[in-house]
Amino acid sequence: MTRQEIKHVEDMLSIIVGQPMRSFARAGGMVIVDFGELIEIDMGKRDESGRPVQDDNGRRITQKSRKGRYGIDVLCSMRFSCGDEIIFTQSDIFLPNDEIANKSNFDWDTFQWHVFGDNYFDRKIVKHFNNEFSDYIVKNVKVSKFGDLTIAFENGFVIELLVDGSGYSENWRFGEINSTKPLIIVNGNGIDN
């Protein structure tokens, strides 16, 4: 990324500085983090395994939900840490939780990482946050020459997005939750917006 692109991305993301994190979740292998004032949106309803729910005519069923105004969709490597401790990473999505992994009949070939709660990531999210995000106020954001993003919180925790796709491979995006157009898309070549 050029210095101008880095400054542009940091300027766009500066809108979340001083704002609270509102949720940390995933959709399949993509991590989703949202920030800012809560707004009400229509979201697709999902069953207990995380699959979209449809009516008898095949239309997706929606429900009202409250989300932060701004969101980051993470398709690249991500880690959440505090000090010298890594709390969880994006790759934890593909690992079984301890209960499943410790079963005597555990089989990697039949492990279903996409089922909500069955993987290590889902369990760490619930255990760490317990649906309480009020202590996570964004202190600052920094972008590297490769497009890596660091979001530091006032309580010492840090989210790091590590660009791991080259070329035009999308690594992460930032935008308003209710908008169809992202404000920034970071790929291996820089930004696309």
C-alpha atoms as a PDB file:
ATOM      1  CA  MET A   1       0.000   0.000   0.000  1.00  0.00           C
ATOM      2  CA  THR A   2       1.139   3.517  -0.668  1.00  0.00           C
ATOM      3  CA  ARG A   3       1.323   6.071   2.144  1.00  0.00           C
ATOM      4  CA  GLN A   4      -1.679   7.784   0.601  1.00  0.00           C
ATOM      5  CA  GLU A   5      -3.695   4.530   0.658  1.00  0.00           C
ATOM      6  CA  ILE A   6      -2.662   3.826   4.273  1.00  0.00           C
ATOM      7  CA  LYS A   7      -3.753   7.320   5.312  1.00  0.00           C
ATOM      8  CA  HIS A   8      -7.043   6.934   3.419  1.00  0.00           C
ATOM      9  CA  VAL A   9      -7.824   3.606   5.141  1.00  0.00           C
ATOM     10  CA  GLU A  10      -6.882   4.963   8.578  1.00  0.00           C
ATOM     11  CA  ASP A  11      -9.026   8.061   7.960  1.00  0.00           C
ATOM     12  CA  MET A  12     -12.024   5.885   6.999  1.00  0.00           C
ATOM     13  CA  LEU A  13     -11.546   3.695  10.075  1.00  0.00           C
ATOM     14  CA  SER A  14     -11.078   6.665  12.412  1.00  0.00           C
ATOM     15  CA  ILE A  15     -14.881   6.785  12.670  1.00  0.00           C
ATOM     16  CA  ILE A  16     -14.738   3.807  15.086  1.00  0.00           C
ATOM     17  CA  VAL A  17     -12.138   5.374  17.419  1.00  0.00           C
ATOM     18  CA  GLY A  18     -13.864   6.055  20.740  1.00  0.00           C
ATOM     19  CA  GLN A  19     -16.700   3.680  19.779  1.00  0.00           C
ATOM     20  CA  PRO A  20     -17.540   0.409  21.542  1.00  0.00           C
ATOM     21  CA  MET A  21     -17.224  -2.991  19.933  1.00  0.00           C
ATOM     22  CA  ARG A  22     -20.730  -4.476  19.734  1.00  0.00           C
ATOM     23  CA  SER A  23     -20.189  -8.063  18.622  1.00  0.00           C
ATOM     24  CA  PHE A  24     -17.612 -10.613  17.586  1.00  0.00           C
ATOM     25  CA  ALA A  25     -19.047 -13.456  15.510  1.00  0.00           C
ATOM     26  CA  ARG A  26     -18.600 -15.520  12.388  1.00  0.00           C
ATOM     27  CA  ALA A  27     -20.493 -16.571   9.291  1.00  0.00           C
ATOM     28  CA  GLY A  28     -18.906 -19.769   8.072  1.00  0.00           C
ATOM     29  CA  GLY A  29     -15.165 -19.113   8.045  1.00  0.00           C
ATOM     30  CA  MET A  30     -15.540 -15.312   7.927  1.00  0.00           C
ATOM     31  CA  VAL A  31     -15.125 -13.358  11.169  1.00  0.00           C
ATOM     32  CA  ILE A  32     -17.449 -10.359  11.653  1.00  0.00           C
ATOM     33  CA  VAL A  33     -16.806  -7.578  14.167  1.00  0.00           C
ATOM     34  CA  ASP A  34     -19.076  -4.566  14.544  1.00  0.00           C
ATOM     35  CA  PHE A  35     -18.699  -1.225  16.298  1.00  0.00           C
ATOM     36  CA  GLY A  36     -20.528   1.966  17.128  1.00  0.00           C
ATOM     37  CA  GLU A  37     -24.062   3.028  17.850  1.00  0.00           C
ATOM     38  CA  LEU A  38     -26.629   0.234  17.851  1.00  0.00           C
ATOM     39  CA  ILE A  39     -29.038   0.198  14.928  1.00  0.00           C
ATOM     40  CA  GLU A  40     -31.902  -2.171  14.176  1.00  0.00           C
ATOM     41  CA  ILE A  41     -31.598  -4.231  11.006  1.00  0.00           C
ATOM     42  CA  ASP A  42     -33.296  -7.217   9.390  1.00  0.00           C
ATOM     43  CA  MET A  43     -31.031 -10.259   9.512  1.00  0.00           C
ATOM     44  CA  GLY A  44     -31.484 -13.701   8.086  1.00  0.00           C
ATOM     45  CA  LYS A  45     -32.612 -16.139  10.754  1.00  0.00           C
ATOM     46  CA  ARG A  46     -30.338 -19.172  11.335  1.00  0.00           C
ATOM     47  CA  ASP A  47     -30.962 -22.553  12.907  1.00  0.00           C
ATOM     48  CA  GLU A  48     -28.876 -24.012  15.753  1.00  0.00           C
ATOM     49  CA  SER A  49     -26.220 -25.243  13.302  1.00  0.00           C
ATOM     50  CA  GLY A  50     -25.877 -21.780  11.745  1.00  0.00           C
ATOM     51  CA  ARG A  51     -27.662 -22.530   8.486  1.00  0.00           C
ATOM     52  CA  PRO A  52     -30.125 -19.983   7.024  1.00  0.00           C
ATOM     53  CA  VAL A  53     -33.795 -20.725   7.751  1.00  0.00           C
ATOM     54  CA  GLN A  54     -36.273 -20.642   4.868  1.00  0.00           C
ATOM     55  CA  ASP A  55     -40.051 -20.732   4.671  1.00  0.00           C
ATOM     56  CA  ASP A  56     -42.010 -23.366   2.694  1.00  0.00           C
ATOM     57  CA  ASN A  57     -41.503 -21.340  -0.516  1.00  0.00           C
ATOM     58  CA  GLY A  58     -37.720 -21.235  -0.109  1.00  0.00           C
ATOM     59  CA  ARG A  59     -37.591 -17.556   0.922  1.00  0.00           C
ATOM     60  CA  ARG A  60     -35.170 -16.648   3.657  1.00  0.00           C
ATOM     61  CA  ILE A  61     -36.824 -15.838   6.992  1.00  0.00           C
ATOM     62  CA  THR A  62     -35.582 -12.621   8.603  1.00  0.00           C
ATOM     63  CA  GLN A  63     -35.706 -11.267  12.122  1.00  0.00           C
ATOM     64  CA  LYS A  64     -34.958  -7.901  13.706  1.00  0.00           C
ATOM     65  CA  SER A  65     -31.533  -7.587  15.280  1.00  0.00           C
ATOM     66  CA  ARG A  66     -29.474  -4.815  16.854  1.00  0.00           C
ATOM     67  CA  LYS A  67     -25.956  -4.407  15.489  1.00  0.00           C
ATOM     68  CA  GLY A  68     -23.240  -1.788  15.623  1.00  0.00           C
ATOM     69  CA  ARG A  69     -23.406   0.710  12.769  1.00  0.00           C
ATOM     70  CA  TYR A  70     -19.958  -0.230  11.356  1.00  0.00           C
ATOM     71  CA  GLY A  71     -18.600  -3.657  10.585  1.00  0.00           C
ATOM     72  CA  ILE A  72     -15.412  -5.376   9.541  1.00  0.00           C
ATOM     73  CA  ASP A  73     -15.634  -8.646   7.616  1.00  0.00           C
ATOM     74  CA  VAL A  74     -12.423 -10.640   8.033  1.00  0.00           C
ATOM     75  CA  LEU A  75     -11.417 -13.161   5.377  1.00  0.00           C
ATOM     76  CA  CYS A  76      -7.701 -13.217   6.227  1.00  0.00           C
ATOM     77  CA  SER A  77      -5.797 -14.371   9.291  1.00  0.00           C
ATOM     78  CA  MET A  78      -6.910 -12.677  12.503  1.00  0.00           C
ATOM     79  CA  ARG A  79      -5.811 -12.814  16.098  1.00  0.00           C
ATOM     80  CA  PHE A  80      -7.289 -11.367  19.292  1.00  0.00           C
ATOM     81  CA  SER A  81      -4.735 -10.847  22.039  1.00  0.00           C
ATOM     82  CA  CYS A  82      -3.881  -9.036  25.240  1.00  0.00           C
ATOM     83  CA  GLY A  83      -0.276  -8.430  26.235  1.00  0.00           C
ATOM     84  CA  ASP A  84       1.692 -11.630  25.633  1.00  0.00           C
ATOM     85  CA  GLU A  85      -1.395 -13.865  25.397  1.00  0.00           C
ATOM     86  CA  ILE A  86      -3.242 -14.898  22.242  1.00  0.00           C
ATOM     87  CA  ILE A  87      -6.880 -15.301  23.287  1.00  0.00           C
ATOM     88  CA  PHE A  88      -8.137 -16.784  19.979  1.00  0.00           C
ATOM     89  CA  THR A  89      -7.496 -16.677  16.235  1.00  0.00           C
ATOM     90  CA  GLN A  90      -9.487 -17.051  13.035  1.00  0.00           C
ATOM     91  CA  SER A  91      -7.996 -20.503  12.447  1.00  0.00           C
ATOM     92  CA  ASP A  92      -9.653 -21.700  15.694  1.00  0.00           C
ATOM     93  CA  ILE A  93     -12.860 -21.895  13.621  1.00  0.00           C
ATOM     94  CA  PHE A  94     -11.522 -25.079  12.040  1.00  0.00           C
ATOM     95  CA  LEU A  95     -10.541 -26.813  15.298  1.00  0.00           C
ATOM     96  CA  PRO A  96     -12.903 -28.885  17.438  1.00  0.00           C
ATOM     97  CA  ASN A  97     -13.778 -27.568  20.874  1.00  0.00           C
ATOM     98  CA  ASP A  98     -12.106 -29.403  23.782  1.00  0.00           C
ATOM     99  CA  GLU A  99     -15.186 -31.489  24.568  1.00  0.00           C
ATOM    100  CA  ILE A 100     -15.384 -32.877  21.015  1.00  0.00           C
ATOM    101  CA  ALA A 101     -11.607 -33.255  20.562  1.00  0.00           C
ATOM    102  CA  ASN A 102     -11.291 -35.274  23.796  1.00  0.00           C
ATOM    103  CA  LYS A 103     -13.911 -37.855  22.828  1.00  0.00           C
ATOM    104  CA  SER A 104     -12.381 -41.284  22.305  1.00  0.00           C
ATOM    105  CA  ASN A 105     -14.231 -41.681  19.005  1.00  0.00           C
ATOM    106  CA  PHE A 106     -13.324 -38.234  17.592  1.00  0.00           C
ATOM    107  CA  ASP A 107     -12.725 -38.390  13.841  1.00  0.00           C
ATOM    108  CA  TRP A 108     -11.293 -35.468  11.841  1.00  0.00           C
ATOM    109  CA  ASP A 109     -13.018 -36.759   8.706  1.00  0.00           C
ATOM    110  CA  THR A 110     -16.478 -36.303  10.220  1.00  0.00           C
ATOM    111  CA  PHE A 111     -15.801 -33.137  12.268  1.00  0.00           C
ATOM    112  CA  GLN A 112     -18.255 -30.403  11.256  1.00  0.00           C
ATOM    113  CA  TRP A 113     -16.491 -27.128  12.097  1.00  0.00           C
ATOM    114  CA  HIS A 114     -19.329 -25.045  10.639  1.00  0.00           C
ATOM    115  CA  VAL A 115     -21.834 -26.193  13.290  1.00  0.00           C
ATOM    116  CA  PHE A 116     -22.063 -23.332  15.789  1.00  0.00           C
ATOM    117  CA  GLY A 117     -20.569 -24.273  19.146  1.00  0.00           C
ATOM    118  CA  ASP A 118     -18.689 -27.325  17.902  1.00  0.00           C
ATOM    119  CA  ASN A 119     -15.469 -25.477  17.127  1.00  0.00           C
ATOM    120  CA  TYR A 120     -12.870 -23.923  19.403  1.00  0.00           C
ATOM    121  CA  PHE A 121     -13.508 -20.364  18.116  1.00  0.00           C
ATOM    122  CA  ASP A 122     -17.221 -20.360  19.015  1.00  0.00           C
ATOM    123  CA  ARG A 123     -16.504 -21.632  22.525  1.00  0.00           C
ATOM    124  CA  LYS A 124     -13.720 -19.058  23.083  1.00  0.00           C
ATOM    125  CA  ILE A 125     -15.995 -16.209  21.927  1.00  0.00           C
ATOM    126  CA  VAL A 126     -18.759 -17.207  24.354  1.00  0.00           C
ATOM    127  CA  LYS A 127     -16.333 -17.808  27.222  1.00  0.00           C
ATOM    128  CA  HIS A 128     -14.321 -14.618  26.742  1.00  0.00           C
ATOM    129  CA  PHE A 129     -17.056 -12.084  25.950  1.00  0.00           C
ATOM    130  CA  ASN A 130     -20.148 -13.702  27.463  1.00  0.00           C
ATOM    131  CA  ASN A 131     -22.153 -11.325  25.228  1.00  0.00           C
ATOM    132  CA  GLU A 132     -20.688  -8.314  27.089  1.00  0.00           C
ATOM    133  CA  PHE A 133     -18.684  -5.861  25.007  1.00  0.00           C
ATOM    134  CA  SER A 134     -18.954  -2.627  27.014  1.00  0.00           C
ATOM    135  CA  ASP A 135     -15.291  -2.808  28.112  1.00  0.00           C
ATOM    136  CA  TYR A 136     -14.048  -2.751  24.512  1.00  0.00           C
ATOM    137  CA  ILE A 137     -13.736   0.883  23.405  1.00  0.00           C
ATOM    138  CA  VAL A 138     -11.536   1.470  20.343  1.00  0.00           C
ATOM    139  CA  LYS A 139      -8.405   3.419  21.322  1.00  0.00           C
ATOM    140  CA  ASN A 140      -6.736   3.582  17.893  1.00  0.00           C
ATOM    141  CA  VAL A 141      -6.366   1.924  14.502  1.00  0.00           C
ATOM    142  CA  LYS A 142      -3.194   1.397  12.478  1.00  0.00           C
ATOM    143  CA  VAL A 143      -2.650   0.053   8.977  1.00  0.00           C
ATOM    144  CA  SER A 144       0.634  -1.418   7.702  1.00  0.00           C
ATOM    145  CA  LYS A 145       2.145  -1.141   4.233  1.00  0.00           C
ATOM    146  CA  PHE A 146       0.673  -4.599   3.498  1.00  0.00           C
ATOM    147  CA  GLY A 147      -2.853  -3.651   4.608  1.00  0.00           C
ATOM    148  CA  ASP A 148      -2.613  -5.400   7.978  1.00  0.00           C
ATOM    149  CA  LEU A 149      -4.983  -3.750  10.443  1.00  0.00           C
ATOM    150  CA  THR A 150      -4.451  -3.333  14.190  1.00  0.00           C
ATOM    151  CA  ILE A 151      -7.355  -2.206  16.361  1.00  0.00           C
ATOM    152  CA  ALA A 152      -6.288  -1.425  19.939  1.00  0.00           C
ATOM    153  CA  PHE A 153      -8.833  -1.130  22.733  1.00  0.00           C
ATOM    154  CA  GLU A 154      -8.598   1.039  25.850  1.00  0.00           C
ATOM    155  CA  ASN A 155      -8.587  -2.114  28.048  1.00  0.00           C
ATOM    156  CA  GLY A 156      -5.370  -3.450  26.450  1.00  0.00           C
ATOM    157  CA  PHE A 157      -6.905  -6.000  24.090  1.00  0.00           C
ATOM    158  CA  VAL A 158      -5.967  -5.911  20.400  1.00  0.00           C
ATOM    159  CA  ILE A 159      -7.436  -7.278  17.166  1.00  0.00           C
ATOM    160  CA  GLU A 160      -4.906  -7.839  14.392  1.00  0.00           C
ATOM    161  CA  LEU A 161      -5.891  -8.629  10.811  1.00  0.00           C
ATOM    162  CA  LEU A 162      -2.975 -10.097   8.886  1.00  0.00           C
ATOM    163  CA  VAL A 163      -3.263  -9.881   5.104  1.00  0.00           C
ATOM    164  CA  ASP A 164      -2.511 -13.354   3.791  1.00  0.00           C
ATOM    165  CA  GLY A 165      -3.923 -13.199   0.264  1.00  0.00           C
ATOM    166  CA  SER A 166      -1.969 -11.767  -2.651  1.00  0.00           C
ATOM    167  CA  GLY A 167      -3.184 -10.118  -5.836  1.00  0.00           C
ATOM    168  CA  TYR A 168      -6.852  -9.232  -5.910  1.00  0.00           C
ATOM    169  CA  SER A 169      -7.764 -11.696  -3.170  1.00  0.00           C
ATOM    170  CA  GLU A 170     -10.046  -9.896  -0.674  1.00  0.00           C
ATOM    171  CA  ASN A 171      -8.621  -9.959   2.852  1.00  0.00           C
ATOM    172  CA  TRP A 172     -10.936  -7.680   4.823  1.00  0.00           C
ATOM    173  CA  ARG A 173     -13.589  -5.036   4.296  1.00  0.00           C
ATOM    174  CA  PHE A 174     -15.017  -2.207   6.363  1.00  0.00           C
ATOM    175  CA  GLY A 175     -18.351  -0.459   5.948  1.00  0.00           C
ATOM    176  CA  GLU A 176     -21.711   0.526   7.341  1.00  0.00           C
ATOM    177  CA  ILE A 177     -23.792  -2.498   8.334  1.00  0.00           C
ATOM    178  CA  ASN A 178     -26.944  -1.276   6.574  1.00  0.00           C
ATOM    179  CA  SER A 179     -25.174  -0.264   3.357  1.00  0.00           C
ATOM    180  CA  THR A 180     -24.744  -2.466   0.294  1.00  0.00           C
ATOM    181  CA  LYS A 181     -21.416  -0.814  -0.573  1.00  0.00           C
ATOM    182  CA  PRO A 182     -18.340  -1.244   1.672  1.00  0.00           C
ATOM    183  CA  LEU A 183     -16.293   1.854   2.434  1.00  0.00           C
ATOM    184  CA  ILE A 184     -12.992  -0.025   2.024  1.00  0.00           C
ATOM    185  CA  ILE A 185     -11.948  -3.409   0.627  1.00  0.00           C
ATOM    186  CA  VAL A 186      -8.344  -4.460   1.286  1.00  0.00           C
ATOM    187  CA  ASN A 187      -6.807  -7.005  -1.034  1.00  0.00           C
ATOM    188  CA  GLY A 188      -3.257  -8.196  -1.639  1.00  0.00           C
ATOM    189  CA  ASN A 189      -2.608  -5.306  -4.021  1.00  0.00           C
ATOM    190  CA  GLY A 190      -3.868  -2.524  -1.736  1.00  0.00           C
ATOM    191  CA  ILE A 191      -7.371  -1.126  -1.583  1.00  0.00           C
ATOM    192  CA  ASP A 192     -10.405  -1.430  -3.815  1.00  0.00           C
ATOM    193  CA  ASN A 193     -13.204   1.059  -3.151  1.00  0.00           C
END
